[in-house]
Amino acid sequence: MNTLPNVYQRVTHYTDVVVQVPPRQMGFNHAGNEVWYYNDQGLDHKICENNAGSLESTSCADSYIFTTGIDAHLHYLDKPISGMCTIKGVRPVTPSI
């Protein structure tokens, strides 16, 4: 039983492919309202309501049916997020070029 409806939000960024997995085409609906930062950079955003039992809104991140790449996933709120999660005592791997 949900006694506190709409107490959480889902934040998504631009064409982040990760937020679309699993896809709605497979019958999956993400829960919670979505706060979508719809530009590659900047803080402009919109809010889409995703009501329980209804199809997920196609006005936010799901407006991109097929996305590739990972750049949008590595930057949120104009900040790079790669490397933010580390394990104490373990050095992050530096990619070789």
C-alpha atoms as a PDB file:
ATOM      1  CA  MET A   1       0.000   0.000   0.000  1.00  0.00           C
ATOM      2  CA  ASN A   2       1.373   3.403  -0.965  1.00  0.00           C
ATOM      3  CA  THR A   3       0.447   5.857   1.789  1.00  0.00           C
ATOM      4  CA  LEU A   4       2.813   8.583   0.520  1.00  0.00           C
ATOM      5  CA  PRO A   5       2.264   8.901  -3.250  1.00  0.00           C
ATOM      6  CA  ASN A   6       4.778  10.814  -5.368  1.00  0.00           C
ATOM      7  CA  VAL A   7       7.454  10.992  -2.681  1.00  0.00           C
ATOM      8  CA  TYR A   8      10.281  10.292  -5.101  1.00  0.00           C
ATOM      9  CA  GLN A   9      11.463  11.685  -8.420  1.00  0.00           C
ATOM     10  CA  ARG A  10      13.538  10.115 -11.156  1.00  0.00           C
ATOM     11  CA  VAL A  11      16.212  12.423 -12.580  1.00  0.00           C
ATOM     12  CA  THR A  12      17.260  11.830 -16.184  1.00  0.00           C
ATOM     13  CA  HIS A  13      19.662  13.653 -18.491  1.00  0.00           C
ATOM     14  CA  TYR A  14      19.307  14.330 -22.196  1.00  0.00           C
ATOM     15  CA  THR A  15      19.869  11.118 -24.216  1.00  0.00           C
ATOM     16  CA  ASP A  16      21.225   8.991 -21.349  1.00  0.00           C
ATOM     17  CA  VAL A  17      20.802   5.456 -22.665  1.00  0.00           C
ATOM     18  CA  VAL A  18      21.003   3.928 -19.171  1.00  0.00           C
ATOM     19  CA  VAL A  19      17.736   5.520 -17.981  1.00  0.00           C
ATOM     20  CA  GLN A  20      15.877   3.802 -20.825  1.00  0.00           C
ATOM     21  CA  VAL A  21      16.774   0.263 -19.775  1.00  0.00           C
ATOM     22  CA  PRO A  22      14.668  -1.810 -19.757  1.00  0.00           C
ATOM     23  CA  PRO A  23      12.702  -0.044 -22.513  1.00  0.00           C
ATOM     24  CA  ARG A  24       8.969   0.625 -22.615  1.00  0.00           C
ATOM     25  CA  GLN A  25       8.857  -1.406 -25.859  1.00  0.00           C
ATOM     26  CA  MET A  26       9.395  -4.449 -23.624  1.00  0.00           C
ATOM     27  CA  GLY A  27       6.432  -3.436 -21.456  1.00  0.00           C
ATOM     28  CA  PHE A  28       8.439  -1.810 -18.659  1.00  0.00           C
ATOM     29  CA  ASN A  29       7.364   1.431 -16.971  1.00  0.00           C
ATOM     30  CA  HIS A  30       9.715   3.370 -14.717  1.00  0.00           C
ATOM     31  CA  ALA A  31       8.159   4.492 -11.454  1.00  0.00           C
ATOM     32  CA  GLY A  32       7.939   8.009 -10.116  1.00  0.00           C
ATOM     33  CA  ASN A  33       7.711  11.366 -11.787  1.00  0.00           C
ATOM     34  CA  GLU A  34      10.610  12.227 -14.048  1.00  0.00           C
ATOM     35  CA  VAL A  35      12.736  15.377 -13.924  1.00  0.00           C
ATOM     36  CA  TRP A  36      14.354  15.480 -17.376  1.00  0.00           C
ATOM     37  CA  TYR A  37      17.306  17.760 -18.145  1.00  0.00           C
ATOM     38  CA  TYR A  38      16.653  17.928 -21.876  1.00  0.00           C
ATOM     39  CA  ASN A  39      19.799  19.658 -23.159  1.00  0.00           C
ATOM     40  CA  ASP A  40      23.322  18.309 -23.433  1.00  0.00           C
ATOM     41  CA  GLN A  41      24.474  21.095 -21.103  1.00  0.00           C
ATOM     42  CA  GLY A  42      22.730  23.460 -18.734  1.00  0.00           C
ATOM     43  CA  LEU A  43      20.023  23.143 -16.120  1.00  0.00           C
ATOM     44  CA  ASP A  44      16.876  23.584 -18.244  1.00  0.00           C
ATOM     45  CA  HIS A  45      14.441  20.817 -17.354  1.00  0.00           C
ATOM     46  CA  LYS A  46      10.847  19.685 -17.439  1.00  0.00           C
ATOM     47  CA  ILE A  47       8.809  17.392 -15.221  1.00  0.00           C
ATOM     48  CA  CYS A  48       6.764  14.512 -16.607  1.00  0.00           C
ATOM     49  CA  GLU A  49       4.203  12.711 -14.483  1.00  0.00           C
ATOM     50  CA  ASN A  50       4.417   8.927 -14.524  1.00  0.00           C
ATOM     51  CA  ASN A  51       1.323   7.637 -12.782  1.00  0.00           C
ATOM     52  CA  ALA A  52       1.161   4.084 -11.445  1.00  0.00           C
ATOM     53  CA  GLY A  53      -0.622   1.760 -13.843  1.00  0.00           C
ATOM     54  CA  SER A  54      -0.241   4.152 -16.783  1.00  0.00           C
ATOM     55  CA  LEU A  55       2.222   4.093 -19.641  1.00  0.00           C
ATOM     56  CA  GLU A  56       5.459   5.965 -19.023  1.00  0.00           C
ATOM     57  CA  SER A  57       5.470   9.512 -20.399  1.00  0.00           C
ATOM     58  CA  THR A  58       7.007   9.906 -23.850  1.00  0.00           C
ATOM     59  CA  SER A  59       7.466  13.650 -23.287  1.00  0.00           C
ATOM     60  CA  CYS A  60      10.739  13.325 -21.370  1.00  0.00           C
ATOM     61  CA  ALA A  61      13.676  10.885 -21.773  1.00  0.00           C
ATOM     62  CA  ASP A  62      11.441   8.392 -23.591  1.00  0.00           C
ATOM     63  CA  SER A  63      10.973  10.951 -26.373  1.00  0.00           C
ATOM     64  CA  TYR A  64      14.247   9.517 -27.725  1.00  0.00           C
ATOM     65  CA  ILE A  65      13.295   6.063 -28.933  1.00  0.00           C
ATOM     66  CA  PHE A  66      16.811   4.865 -29.679  1.00  0.00           C
ATOM     67  CA  THR A  67      19.927   6.410 -28.192  1.00  0.00           C
ATOM     68  CA  THR A  68      23.531   5.339 -28.239  1.00  0.00           C
ATOM     69  CA  GLY A  69      26.637   6.538 -26.509  1.00  0.00           C
ATOM     70  CA  ILE A  70      27.379   7.168 -22.887  1.00  0.00           C
ATOM     71  CA  ASP A  71      28.288  10.890 -22.756  1.00  0.00           C
ATOM     72  CA  ALA A  72      24.909  12.003 -21.368  1.00  0.00           C
ATOM     73  CA  HIS A  73      25.209   9.385 -18.625  1.00  0.00           C
ATOM     74  CA  LEU A  74      28.585  10.702 -17.483  1.00  0.00           C
ATOM     75  CA  HIS A  75      27.410  14.310 -16.919  1.00  0.00           C
ATOM     76  CA  TYR A  76      24.494  15.342 -14.713  1.00  0.00           C
ATOM     77  CA  LEU A  77      23.537  18.861 -13.588  1.00  0.00           C
ATOM     78  CA  ASP A  78      26.505  20.251 -15.546  1.00  0.00           C
ATOM     79  CA  LYS A  79      28.924  18.142 -13.498  1.00  0.00           C
ATOM     80  CA  PRO A  80      31.006  15.175 -14.632  1.00  0.00           C
ATOM     81  CA  ILE A  81      30.046  12.161 -12.555  1.00  0.00           C
ATOM     82  CA  SER A  82      32.494   9.573 -13.839  1.00  0.00           C
ATOM     83  CA  GLY A  83      34.972   8.626 -11.152  1.00  0.00           C
ATOM     84  CA  MET A  84      32.760   9.872  -8.310  1.00  0.00           C
ATOM     85  CA  CYS A  85      32.111   6.380  -6.978  1.00  0.00           C
ATOM     86  CA  THR A  86      35.246   4.706  -5.712  1.00  0.00           C
ATOM     87  CA  ILE A  87      36.167   1.999  -3.262  1.00  0.00           C
ATOM     88  CA  LYS A  88      38.432   3.118  -0.436  1.00  0.00           C
ATOM     89  CA  GLY A  89      41.959   1.965  -1.076  1.00  0.00           C
ATOM     90  CA  VAL A  90      41.344   1.064  -4.740  1.00  0.00           C
ATOM     91  CA  ARG A  91      42.760   3.391  -7.356  1.00  0.00           C
ATOM     92  CA  PRO A  92      40.430   4.170 -10.289  1.00  0.00           C
ATOM     93  CA  VAL A  93      41.499   2.727 -13.616  1.00  0.00           C
ATOM     94  CA  THR A  94      42.849   5.341 -16.009  1.00  0.00           C
ATOM     95  CA  PRO A  95      41.967   4.478 -19.601  1.00  0.00           C
ATOM     96  CA  SER A  96      44.951   4.181 -21.939  1.00  0.00           C
ATOM     97  CA  ILE A  97      44.836   5.996 -25.237  1.00  0.00           C
END
